[in-house]
Amino acid sequence: MGVRENFNIIQNTSGTIAAIGLEKIGKAAAGNLVTPAIWALNAATKNSTPSVVDVGIYASGFVSAPAAITVSTVKALSDDSINRKVNEIRLQHEAKYRQFILPVQNYGHNAPFFVAQDIASNGGTVWQGQNHQWVYITDARGLLVPDFKPNNFRQAMQPTFPFELNKNNKFKFCSRTCRW
């Protein structure tokens, strides 16, 4: 495995070492700015922003640095695992769709299956790859796609057709047997 597959853990470890080093030489304030600097770099180069969880972990570091380091390391390992699995799923689809296939973790912070149901009820196609990762697809504008036909999946959900709303003004959805 290379840098790309372990990007989050490498970045997390490097940032932690830099922050600790700055603190040890008496530059604790500069050490506190390492993480926001990394976020700014990622925003500028990869168009990615920190999640609510990332910000919470960063803030908890002011209370307990060892706990924040431990949690952020575990989260970085988890993020790398999710990214690897999403890339596996993307490679099973045409190149024109790959950048629009996203992990359900980008959509919500509940258990993946519940986020998948939320995506389907909001009008999107969502599926679980053979590697157990749940993903969904958007169009180029970031809107959910209701009628995508995923390849090689364990489970899939999407709105029923013709589109119907339930009493909560959410789309009724079903499993893969609805359209495929």
N, C-alpha and C. Protein backbone atom coordinates (compact mmCIF):
# COMPACT_ATOMS: atom_id res chain seq x y z
N MET A 1 0.84 -1.18 0.00
CA MET A 1 0.00 0.00 0.00
C MET A 1 0.88 1.24 0.00
N GLY A 2 0.42 2.24 -0.71
CA GLY A 2 1.21 3.44 -0.86
C GLY A 2 0.67 4.61 -0.08
N VAL A 3 1.21 5.76 -0.41
CA VAL A 3 0.84 7.01 0.26
C VAL A 3 -0.65 7.30 0.07
N ARG A 4 -1.15 7.14 -1.14
CA ARG A 4 -2.56 7.48 -1.40
C ARG A 4 -3.50 6.64 -0.54
N GLU A 5 -3.20 5.36 -0.35
CA GLU A 5 -4.06 4.47 0.42
C GLU A 5 -3.97 4.73 1.92
N ASN A 6 -2.93 5.39 2.35
CA ASN A 6 -2.73 5.67 3.78
C ASN A 6 -2.59 7.16 4.06
N PHE A 7 -3.15 7.97 3.19
CA PHE A 7 -2.98 9.42 3.26
C PHE A 7 -3.37 10.00 4.61
N ASN A 8 -4.54 9.62 5.12
CA ASN A 8 -5.03 10.21 6.36
C ASN A 8 -4.15 9.89 7.56
N ILE A 9 -3.71 8.64 7.67
CA ILE A 9 -2.86 8.28 8.81
C ILE A 9 -1.49 8.93 8.69
N ILE A 10 -0.96 9.04 7.47
CA ILE A 10 0.33 9.72 7.28
C ILE A 10 0.20 11.19 7.65
N GLN A 11 -0.86 11.82 7.16
CA GLN A 11 -1.07 13.24 7.45
C GLN A 11 -1.31 13.46 8.94
N ASN A 12 -2.08 12.58 9.56
CA ASN A 12 -2.36 12.70 10.99
C ASN A 12 -1.08 12.56 11.81
N THR A 13 -0.30 11.55 11.50
CA THR A 13 0.95 11.31 12.24
C THR A 13 1.94 12.46 12.04
N SER A 14 2.07 12.92 10.82
CA SER A 14 2.99 14.03 10.54
C SER A 14 2.56 15.30 11.28
N GLY A 15 1.26 15.58 11.25
CA GLY A 15 0.75 16.76 11.94
C GLY A 15 0.95 16.68 13.44
N THR A 16 0.72 15.49 13.99
CA THR A 16 0.91 15.30 15.44
C THR A 16 2.37 15.49 15.81
N ILE A 17 3.26 14.91 15.05
CA ILE A 17 4.70 15.05 15.33
C ILE A 17 5.13 16.52 15.23
N ALA A 18 4.63 17.22 14.20
CA ALA A 18 4.97 18.64 14.04
C ALA A 18 4.45 19.45 15.22
N ALA A 19 3.21 19.20 15.65
CA ALA A 19 2.63 19.95 16.76
C ALA A 19 3.39 19.68 18.05
N ILE A 20 3.72 18.42 18.31
CA ILE A 20 4.48 18.08 19.52
C ILE A 20 5.86 18.71 19.47
N GLY A 21 6.51 18.66 18.32
CA GLY A 21 7.83 19.27 18.17
C GLY A 21 7.80 20.77 18.44
N LEU A 22 6.81 21.45 17.90
CA LEU A 22 6.69 22.90 18.13
C LEU A 22 6.43 23.20 19.61
N GLU A 23 5.63 22.36 20.25
CA GLU A 23 5.36 22.56 21.67
C GLU A 23 6.63 22.35 22.49
N LYS A 24 7.41 21.36 22.14
CA LYS A 24 8.64 21.05 22.89
C LYS A 24 9.68 22.17 22.79
N ILE A 25 9.66 22.93 21.69
CA ILE A 25 10.63 24.02 21.57
C ILE A 25 10.04 25.36 22.01
N GLY A 26 8.89 25.26 22.71
CA GLY A 26 8.30 26.47 23.26
C GLY A 26 7.38 27.23 22.33
N LYS A 27 6.93 26.61 21.29
CA LYS A 27 6.04 27.25 20.32
C LYS A 27 4.67 26.55 20.32
N ALA A 28 4.06 26.40 21.49
CA ALA A 28 2.80 25.69 21.63
C ALA A 28 1.70 26.33 20.79
N ALA A 29 1.68 27.67 20.74
CA ALA A 29 0.65 28.35 19.94
C ALA A 29 0.78 27.96 18.47
N ALA A 30 2.01 27.87 17.98
CA ALA A 30 2.22 27.46 16.59
C ALA A 30 1.81 26.00 16.41
N GLY A 31 2.05 25.18 17.41
CA GLY A 31 1.65 23.78 17.36
C GLY A 31 0.14 23.62 17.23
N ASN A 32 -0.60 24.53 17.87
CA ASN A 32 -2.06 24.49 17.79
C ASN A 32 -2.58 24.86 16.40
N LEU A 33 -1.73 25.48 15.61
CA LEU A 33 -2.14 25.90 14.26
C LEU A 33 -1.80 24.88 13.16
N VAL A 34 -1.12 23.79 13.54
CA VAL A 34 -0.74 22.79 12.54
C VAL A 34 -1.98 22.18 11.89
N THR A 35 -2.93 21.76 12.69
CA THR A 35 -4.13 21.12 12.14
C THR A 35 -4.92 22.07 11.24
N PRO A 36 -5.23 23.30 11.69
CA PRO A 36 -5.93 24.20 10.77
C PRO A 36 -5.12 24.49 9.49
N ALA A 37 -3.81 24.51 9.60
CA ALA A 37 -2.98 24.72 8.41
C ALA A 37 -3.12 23.54 7.44
N ILE A 38 -3.17 22.33 7.97
CA ILE A 38 -3.36 21.15 7.13
C ILE A 38 -4.74 21.19 6.47
N TRP A 39 -5.76 21.59 7.24
CA TRP A 39 -7.11 21.71 6.67
C TRP A 39 -7.13 22.73 5.53
N ALA A 40 -6.42 23.85 5.73
CA ALA A 40 -6.38 24.89 4.69
C ALA A 40 -5.68 24.35 3.43
N LEU A 41 -4.60 23.63 3.62
CA LEU A 41 -3.89 23.03 2.49
C LEU A 41 -4.78 22.04 1.75
N ASN A 42 -5.48 21.18 2.50
CA ASN A 42 -6.38 20.22 1.86
C ASN A 42 -7.51 20.92 1.12
N ALA A 43 -8.02 22.00 1.68
CA ALA A 43 -9.09 22.75 1.01
C ALA A 43 -8.58 23.35 -0.30
N ALA A 44 -7.36 23.85 -0.29
CA ALA A 44 -6.80 24.49 -1.47
C ALA A 44 -6.39 23.48 -2.54
N THR A 45 -5.89 22.32 -2.13
CA THR A 45 -5.36 21.36 -3.10
C THR A 45 -6.32 20.24 -3.48
N LYS A 46 -7.16 19.82 -2.53
CA LYS A 46 -8.04 18.68 -2.78
C LYS A 46 -9.52 19.03 -2.67
N ASN A 47 -9.80 20.30 -2.41
CA ASN A 47 -11.19 20.75 -2.25
C ASN A 47 -11.92 19.95 -1.18
N SER A 48 -11.21 19.60 -0.10
CA SER A 48 -11.83 18.86 0.99
C SER A 48 -11.82 19.71 2.26
N THR A 49 -12.83 19.51 3.05
CA THR A 49 -12.95 20.26 4.30
C THR A 49 -13.06 19.27 5.45
N PRO A 50 -12.72 19.69 6.66
CA PRO A 50 -12.82 18.78 7.80
C PRO A 50 -14.27 18.48 8.14
N SER A 51 -14.50 17.29 8.63
CA SER A 51 -15.85 16.92 9.05
C SER A 51 -16.12 17.50 10.44
N VAL A 52 -17.36 17.42 10.85
CA VAL A 52 -17.74 17.86 12.19
C VAL A 52 -16.96 17.06 13.23
N VAL A 53 -16.76 15.78 12.96
CA VAL A 53 -16.01 14.92 13.88
C VAL A 53 -14.57 15.39 13.98
N ASP A 54 -13.94 15.73 12.85
CA ASP A 54 -12.56 16.22 12.86
C ASP A 54 -12.42 17.48 13.70
N VAL A 55 -13.36 18.39 13.54
CA VAL A 55 -13.32 19.64 14.31
C VAL A 55 -13.50 19.35 15.79
N GLY A 56 -14.38 18.42 16.12
CA GLY A 56 -14.58 18.04 17.52
C GLY A 56 -13.34 17.43 18.14
N ILE A 57 -12.67 16.57 17.39
CA ILE A 57 -11.43 15.96 17.88
C ILE A 57 -10.37 17.03 18.10
N TYR A 58 -10.25 17.96 17.15
CA TYR A 58 -9.29 19.06 17.29
C TYR A 58 -9.58 19.87 18.55
N ALA A 59 -10.85 20.20 18.77
CA ALA A 59 -11.22 21.00 19.94
C ALA A 59 -10.95 20.23 21.23
N SER A 60 -11.17 18.92 21.22
CA SER A 60 -10.93 18.13 22.43
C SER A 60 -9.45 18.07 22.78
N GLY A 61 -8.60 18.33 21.80
CA GLY A 61 -7.16 18.34 22.05
C GLY A 61 -6.74 19.43 23.03
N PHE A 62 -7.54 20.48 23.14
CA PHE A 62 -7.24 21.54 24.12
C PHE A 62 -7.52 21.08 25.54
N VAL A 63 -8.37 20.05 25.68
CA VAL A 63 -8.70 19.51 26.99
C VAL A 63 -7.78 18.34 27.33
N SER A 64 -7.61 17.43 26.38
CA SER A 64 -6.78 16.25 26.59
C SER A 64 -6.07 15.89 25.29
N ALA A 65 -4.85 16.35 25.18
CA ALA A 65 -4.08 16.08 23.96
C ALA A 65 -3.88 14.58 23.71
N PRO A 66 -3.50 13.79 24.73
CA PRO A 66 -3.32 12.35 24.46
C PRO A 66 -4.60 11.68 23.94
N ALA A 67 -5.73 12.02 24.52
CA ALA A 67 -6.99 11.42 24.07
C ALA A 67 -7.30 11.85 22.64
N ALA A 68 -7.08 13.12 22.33
CA ALA A 68 -7.34 13.62 20.97
C ALA A 68 -6.42 12.94 19.96
N ILE A 69 -5.17 12.74 20.32
CA ILE A 69 -4.22 12.07 19.42
C ILE A 69 -4.67 10.64 19.16
N THR A 70 -5.09 9.94 20.21
CA THR A 70 -5.54 8.56 20.06
C THR A 70 -6.77 8.47 19.17
N VAL A 71 -7.76 9.31 19.47
CA VAL A 71 -9.01 9.28 18.69
C VAL A 71 -8.75 9.70 17.25
N SER A 72 -7.93 10.73 17.04
CA SER A 72 -7.67 11.17 15.67
C SER A 72 -6.91 10.12 14.88
N THR A 73 -6.05 9.36 15.53
CA THR A 73 -5.33 8.29 14.85
C THR A 73 -6.28 7.18 14.43
N VAL A 74 -7.18 6.80 15.33
CA VAL A 74 -8.17 5.77 15.00
C VAL A 74 -9.07 6.26 13.86
N LYS A 75 -9.49 7.52 13.92
CA LYS A 75 -10.34 8.08 12.86
C LYS A 75 -9.59 8.11 11.52
N ALA A 76 -8.31 8.48 11.54
CA ALA A 76 -7.53 8.51 10.30
C ALA A 76 -7.43 7.12 9.68
N LEU A 77 -7.21 6.10 10.52
CA LEU A 77 -7.16 4.72 10.02
C LEU A 77 -8.51 4.33 9.41
N SER A 78 -9.59 4.71 10.08
CA SER A 78 -10.93 4.42 9.57
C SER A 78 -11.18 5.15 8.25
N ASP A 79 -10.81 6.43 8.17
CA ASP A 79 -10.99 7.20 6.93
C ASP A 79 -10.23 6.57 5.78
N ASP A 80 -9.00 6.11 6.04
CA ASP A 80 -8.22 5.46 4.99
C ASP A 80 -8.88 4.17 4.53
N SER A 81 -9.43 3.39 5.46
CA SER A 81 -10.12 2.15 5.11
C SER A 81 -11.36 2.45 4.26
N ILE A 82 -12.13 3.45 4.65
CA ILE A 82 -13.32 3.85 3.88
C ILE A 82 -12.90 4.28 2.48
N ASN A 83 -11.87 5.10 2.37
CA ASN A 83 -11.42 5.58 1.06
C ASN A 83 -10.97 4.43 0.16
N ARG A 84 -10.27 3.44 0.72
CA ARG A 84 -9.85 2.28 -0.07
C ARG A 84 -11.06 1.52 -0.60
N LYS A 85 -12.05 1.32 0.27
CA LYS A 85 -13.24 0.57 -0.13
C LYS A 85 -14.05 1.33 -1.18
N VAL A 86 -14.18 2.64 -1.01
CA VAL A 86 -14.91 3.44 -2.00
C VAL A 86 -14.19 3.38 -3.34
N ASN A 87 -12.87 3.44 -3.32
CA ASN A 87 -12.11 3.35 -4.58
C ASN A 87 -12.32 2.01 -5.27
N GLU A 88 -12.41 0.93 -4.48
CA GLU A 88 -12.70 -0.39 -5.06
C GLU A 88 -14.05 -0.36 -5.78
N ILE A 89 -15.05 0.24 -5.14
CA ILE A 89 -16.39 0.32 -5.73
C ILE A 89 -16.36 1.20 -6.98
N ARG A 90 -15.66 2.31 -6.90
CA ARG A 90 -15.58 3.21 -8.06
C ARG A 90 -15.01 2.51 -9.28
N LEU A 91 -13.99 1.68 -9.05
CA LEU A 91 -13.33 1.00 -10.17
C LEU A 91 -14.25 -0.01 -10.87
N GLN A 92 -15.37 -0.36 -10.25
CA GLN A 92 -16.32 -1.29 -10.86
C GLN A 92 -17.32 -0.57 -11.76
N HIS A 93 -17.18 0.76 -11.87
CA HIS A 93 -18.11 1.56 -12.67
C HIS A 93 -17.36 2.35 -13.73
N GLU A 94 -18.10 2.81 -14.72
CA GLU A 94 -17.49 3.59 -15.79
C GLU A 94 -16.78 4.82 -15.23
N ALA A 95 -15.70 5.21 -15.86
CA ALA A 95 -14.89 6.34 -15.40
C ALA A 95 -15.70 7.61 -15.24
N LYS A 96 -16.69 7.82 -16.09
CA LYS A 96 -17.47 9.07 -16.03
C LYS A 96 -18.29 9.18 -14.75
N TYR A 97 -18.53 8.07 -14.05
CA TYR A 97 -19.31 8.10 -12.81
C TYR A 97 -18.46 8.11 -11.55
N ARG A 98 -17.23 7.70 -11.65
CA ARG A 98 -16.41 7.43 -10.47
C ARG A 98 -16.29 8.58 -9.48
N GLN A 99 -16.05 9.78 -9.96
CA GLN A 99 -15.85 10.91 -9.03
C GLN A 99 -17.14 11.27 -8.30
N PHE A 100 -18.28 10.79 -8.77
CA PHE A 100 -19.56 11.12 -8.16
C PHE A 100 -20.06 10.04 -7.21
N ILE A 101 -19.32 8.96 -7.07
CA ILE A 101 -19.65 7.89 -6.13
C ILE A 101 -18.96 8.23 -4.81
N LEU A 102 -19.76 8.40 -3.77
CA LEU A 102 -19.26 8.91 -2.50
C LEU A 102 -19.64 7.99 -1.34
N PRO A 103 -18.82 7.98 -0.28
CA PRO A 103 -19.18 7.18 0.90
C PRO A 103 -20.36 7.82 1.64
N VAL A 104 -21.24 6.99 2.19
CA VAL A 104 -22.38 7.54 2.93
C VAL A 104 -21.93 8.38 4.13
N GLN A 105 -20.71 8.18 4.57
CA GLN A 105 -20.18 8.97 5.69
C GLN A 105 -20.11 10.45 5.33
N ASN A 106 -20.08 10.78 4.03
CA ASN A 106 -20.10 12.18 3.61
C ASN A 106 -21.48 12.80 3.78
N TYR A 107 -22.50 11.97 3.87
CA TYR A 107 -23.89 12.44 3.89
C TYR A 107 -24.44 12.58 5.31
N GLY A 108 -24.03 11.69 6.20
CA GLY A 108 -24.55 11.72 7.57
C GLY A 108 -23.64 10.98 8.52
N HIS A 109 -23.92 11.15 9.81
CA HIS A 109 -23.03 10.58 10.83
C HIS A 109 -23.66 9.46 11.64
N ASN A 110 -24.79 8.92 11.19
CA ASN A 110 -25.38 7.76 11.84
C ASN A 110 -24.75 6.50 11.28
N ALA A 111 -25.27 5.36 11.72
CA ALA A 111 -24.79 4.09 11.18
C ALA A 111 -25.02 4.08 9.67
N PRO A 112 -24.08 3.52 8.90
CA PRO A 112 -24.18 3.58 7.44
C PRO A 112 -25.52 3.10 6.87
N PHE A 113 -26.10 2.04 7.41
CA PHE A 113 -27.37 1.55 6.87
C PHE A 113 -28.47 2.60 7.04
N PHE A 114 -28.48 3.29 8.16
CA PHE A 114 -29.51 4.31 8.40
C PHE A 114 -29.28 5.53 7.51
N VAL A 115 -28.02 5.87 7.29
CA VAL A 115 -27.72 6.97 6.37
C VAL A 115 -28.16 6.58 4.95
N ALA A 116 -27.93 5.32 4.59
CA ALA A 116 -28.35 4.82 3.27
C ALA A 116 -29.87 4.97 3.10
N GLN A 117 -30.62 4.61 4.12
CA GLN A 117 -32.08 4.77 4.06
C GLN A 117 -32.46 6.24 3.92
N ASP A 118 -31.75 7.09 4.62
CA ASP A 118 -32.02 8.53 4.53
C ASP A 118 -31.76 9.04 3.11
N ILE A 119 -30.68 8.58 2.51
CA ILE A 119 -30.35 8.99 1.13
C ILE A 119 -31.45 8.53 0.18
N ALA A 120 -31.87 7.28 0.30
CA ALA A 120 -32.93 6.76 -0.58
C ALA A 120 -34.24 7.53 -0.37
N SER A 121 -34.55 7.85 0.87
CA SER A 121 -35.80 8.58 1.13
C SER A 121 -35.72 10.04 0.69
N ASN A 122 -34.51 10.52 0.47
CA ASN A 122 -34.33 11.89 -0.05
C ASN A 122 -34.17 11.90 -1.57
N GLY A 123 -34.31 10.73 -2.20
CA GLY A 123 -34.32 10.69 -3.65
C GLY A 123 -33.07 10.16 -4.32
N GLY A 124 -32.20 9.49 -3.58
CA GLY A 124 -30.95 9.03 -4.18
C GLY A 124 -30.82 7.52 -4.27
N THR A 125 -29.91 7.09 -5.12
CA THR A 125 -29.55 5.68 -5.22
C THR A 125 -28.36 5.44 -4.30
N VAL A 126 -28.47 4.40 -3.52
CA VAL A 126 -27.42 4.06 -2.55
C VAL A 126 -27.24 2.55 -2.58
N TRP A 127 -25.99 2.09 -2.44
CA TRP A 127 -25.75 0.66 -2.46
C TRP A 127 -24.57 0.29 -1.60
N GLN A 128 -24.57 -0.98 -1.21
CA GLN A 128 -23.48 -1.53 -0.41
C GLN A 128 -22.66 -2.42 -1.33
N GLY A 129 -21.38 -2.09 -1.45
CA GLY A 129 -20.49 -2.89 -2.27
C GLY A 129 -20.22 -4.25 -1.66
N GLN A 130 -19.60 -5.12 -2.44
CA GLN A 130 -19.23 -6.44 -1.92
C GLN A 130 -18.27 -6.34 -0.73
N ASN A 131 -17.58 -5.20 -0.62
CA ASN A 131 -16.65 -4.98 0.50
C ASN A 131 -17.36 -4.39 1.72
N HIS A 132 -18.69 -4.34 1.69
CA HIS A 132 -19.56 -3.88 2.78
C HIS A 132 -19.63 -2.37 2.95
N GLN A 133 -18.97 -1.60 2.11
CA GLN A 133 -19.02 -0.15 2.18
C GLN A 133 -20.29 0.36 1.50
N TRP A 134 -21.01 1.26 2.16
CA TRP A 134 -22.19 1.90 1.57
C TRP A 134 -21.76 3.16 0.84
N VAL A 135 -22.27 3.35 -0.38
CA VAL A 135 -21.96 4.52 -1.20
C VAL A 135 -23.24 5.04 -1.85
N TYR A 136 -23.17 6.25 -2.33
CA TYR A 136 -24.27 6.84 -3.10
C TYR A 136 -23.67 7.63 -4.24
N ILE A 137 -24.53 8.08 -5.14
CA ILE A 137 -24.04 8.81 -6.31
C ILE A 137 -24.79 10.13 -6.46
N THR A 138 -24.04 11.13 -6.90
CA THR A 138 -24.62 12.44 -7.19
C THR A 138 -24.36 12.76 -8.66
N ASP A 139 -25.02 13.81 -9.14
CA ASP A 139 -24.68 14.30 -10.47
C ASP A 139 -23.59 15.37 -10.32
N ALA A 140 -23.22 15.99 -11.40
CA ALA A 140 -22.13 16.98 -11.37
C ALA A 140 -22.45 18.19 -10.50
N ARG A 141 -23.73 18.43 -10.24
CA ARG A 141 -24.13 19.56 -9.39
C ARG A 141 -24.23 19.17 -7.92
N GLY A 142 -23.99 17.90 -7.61
CA GLY A 142 -24.07 17.43 -6.24
C GLY A 142 -25.45 16.96 -5.83
N LEU A 143 -26.37 16.83 -6.80
CA LEU A 143 -27.73 16.38 -6.50
C LEU A 143 -27.80 14.85 -6.54
N LEU A 144 -28.61 14.27 -5.68
CA LEU A 144 -28.77 12.83 -5.64
C LEU A 144 -29.36 12.31 -6.96
N VAL A 145 -28.90 11.15 -7.39
CA VAL A 145 -29.37 10.53 -8.63
C VAL A 145 -30.34 9.40 -8.25
N PRO A 146 -31.60 9.48 -8.67
CA PRO A 146 -32.59 8.50 -8.25
C PRO A 146 -32.60 7.19 -9.05
N ASP A 147 -32.00 7.16 -10.23
CA ASP A 147 -32.18 6.01 -11.11
C ASP A 147 -30.88 5.36 -11.61
N PHE A 148 -29.82 5.49 -10.83
CA PHE A 148 -28.54 4.88 -11.22
C PHE A 148 -28.61 3.37 -10.99
N LYS A 149 -27.97 2.61 -11.86
CA LYS A 149 -27.92 1.15 -11.73
C LYS A 149 -26.50 0.74 -11.36
N PRO A 150 -26.23 0.51 -10.08
CA PRO A 150 -24.88 0.14 -9.67
C PRO A 150 -24.50 -1.28 -10.08
N ASN A 151 -23.21 -1.51 -10.15
CA ASN A 151 -22.66 -2.82 -10.49
C ASN A 151 -22.20 -3.53 -9.22
N ASN A 152 -22.31 -4.85 -9.21
CA ASN A 152 -21.66 -5.70 -8.21
C ASN A 152 -21.91 -5.23 -6.78
N PHE A 153 -23.13 -5.31 -6.32
CA PHE A 153 -23.46 -4.83 -4.99
C PHE A 153 -24.10 -5.92 -4.15
N ARG A 154 -24.06 -5.73 -2.83
CA ARG A 154 -24.73 -6.64 -1.89
C ARG A 154 -26.18 -6.23 -1.70
N GLN A 155 -26.41 -4.93 -1.49
CA GLN A 155 -27.74 -4.37 -1.28
C GLN A 155 -27.80 -3.03 -2.00
N ALA A 156 -29.00 -2.64 -2.41
CA ALA A 156 -29.17 -1.33 -3.02
C ALA A 156 -30.56 -0.80 -2.68
N MET A 157 -30.67 0.51 -2.63
CA MET A 157 -31.96 1.16 -2.38
C MET A 157 -32.05 2.39 -3.27
N GLN A 158 -33.29 2.70 -3.67
CA GLN A 158 -33.54 3.92 -4.41
C GLN A 158 -35.03 4.22 -4.34
N PRO A 159 -35.43 5.44 -4.67
CA PRO A 159 -36.85 5.78 -4.61
C PRO A 159 -37.66 4.89 -5.56
N THR A 160 -38.89 4.61 -5.17
CA THR A 160 -39.78 3.85 -6.04
C THR A 160 -40.18 4.73 -7.23
N PHE A 161 -40.52 4.08 -8.30
CA PHE A 161 -40.97 4.82 -9.48
C PHE A 161 -42.35 4.30 -9.86
N PRO A 162 -43.34 5.10 -10.09
CA PRO A 162 -43.25 6.56 -10.10
C PRO A 162 -43.02 7.09 -8.68
N PHE A 163 -42.36 8.23 -8.63
CA PHE A 163 -42.00 8.81 -7.34
C PHE A 163 -43.24 9.09 -6.51
N GLU A 164 -43.19 8.66 -5.25
CA GLU A 164 -44.27 8.90 -4.31
C GLU A 164 -43.67 9.41 -3.01
N LEU A 165 -44.36 10.33 -2.39
CA LEU A 165 -43.93 10.82 -1.08
C LEU A 165 -44.73 10.11 0.00
N ASN A 166 -44.09 9.84 1.12
CA ASN A 166 -44.82 9.28 2.25
C ASN A 166 -45.36 10.42 3.11
N LYS A 167 -45.92 10.12 4.25
CA LYS A 167 -46.55 11.16 5.08
C LYS A 167 -45.53 12.14 5.67
N ASN A 168 -44.26 11.80 5.65
CA ASN A 168 -43.20 12.70 6.15
C ASN A 168 -42.56 13.52 5.04
N ASN A 169 -43.19 13.52 3.87
CA ASN A 169 -42.65 14.21 2.69
C ASN A 169 -41.28 13.70 2.27
N LYS A 170 -41.07 12.42 2.47
CA LYS A 170 -39.87 11.74 2.00
C LYS A 170 -40.29 10.77 0.91
N PHE A 171 -39.35 10.44 0.02
CA PHE A 171 -39.67 9.50 -1.04
C PHE A 171 -39.81 8.08 -0.48
N LYS A 172 -40.79 7.35 -0.99
CA LYS A 172 -40.87 5.93 -0.70
C LYS A 172 -39.72 5.29 -1.46
N PHE A 173 -39.08 4.31 -0.85
CA PHE A 173 -37.96 3.65 -1.53
C PHE A 173 -38.06 2.15 -1.34
N CYS A 174 -37.31 1.45 -2.15
CA CYS A 174 -37.32 -0.01 -2.09
C CYS A 174 -35.92 -0.55 -2.36
N SER A 175 -35.85 -1.88 -2.32
CA SER A 175 -34.56 -2.53 -2.57
C SER A 175 -34.34 -2.67 -4.07
N ARG A 176 -33.28 -3.33 -4.44
CA ARG A 176 -32.87 -3.46 -5.84
C ARG A 176 -33.94 -4.07 -6.73
N THR A 177 -34.91 -4.74 -6.19
CA THR A 177 -35.91 -5.40 -7.02
C THR A 177 -36.87 -4.40 -7.66
N CYS A 178 -36.83 -3.15 -7.26
CA CYS A 178 -37.75 -2.16 -7.81
C CYS A 178 -37.55 -1.93 -9.29
N ARG A 179 -36.31 -1.82 -9.76
CA ARG A 179 -36.06 -1.44 -11.14
C ARG A 179 -35.13 -2.37 -11.88
N TRP A 180 -34.35 -3.13 -11.18
CA TRP A 180 -33.30 -3.86 -11.89
C TRP A 180 -33.81 -5.19 -12.37
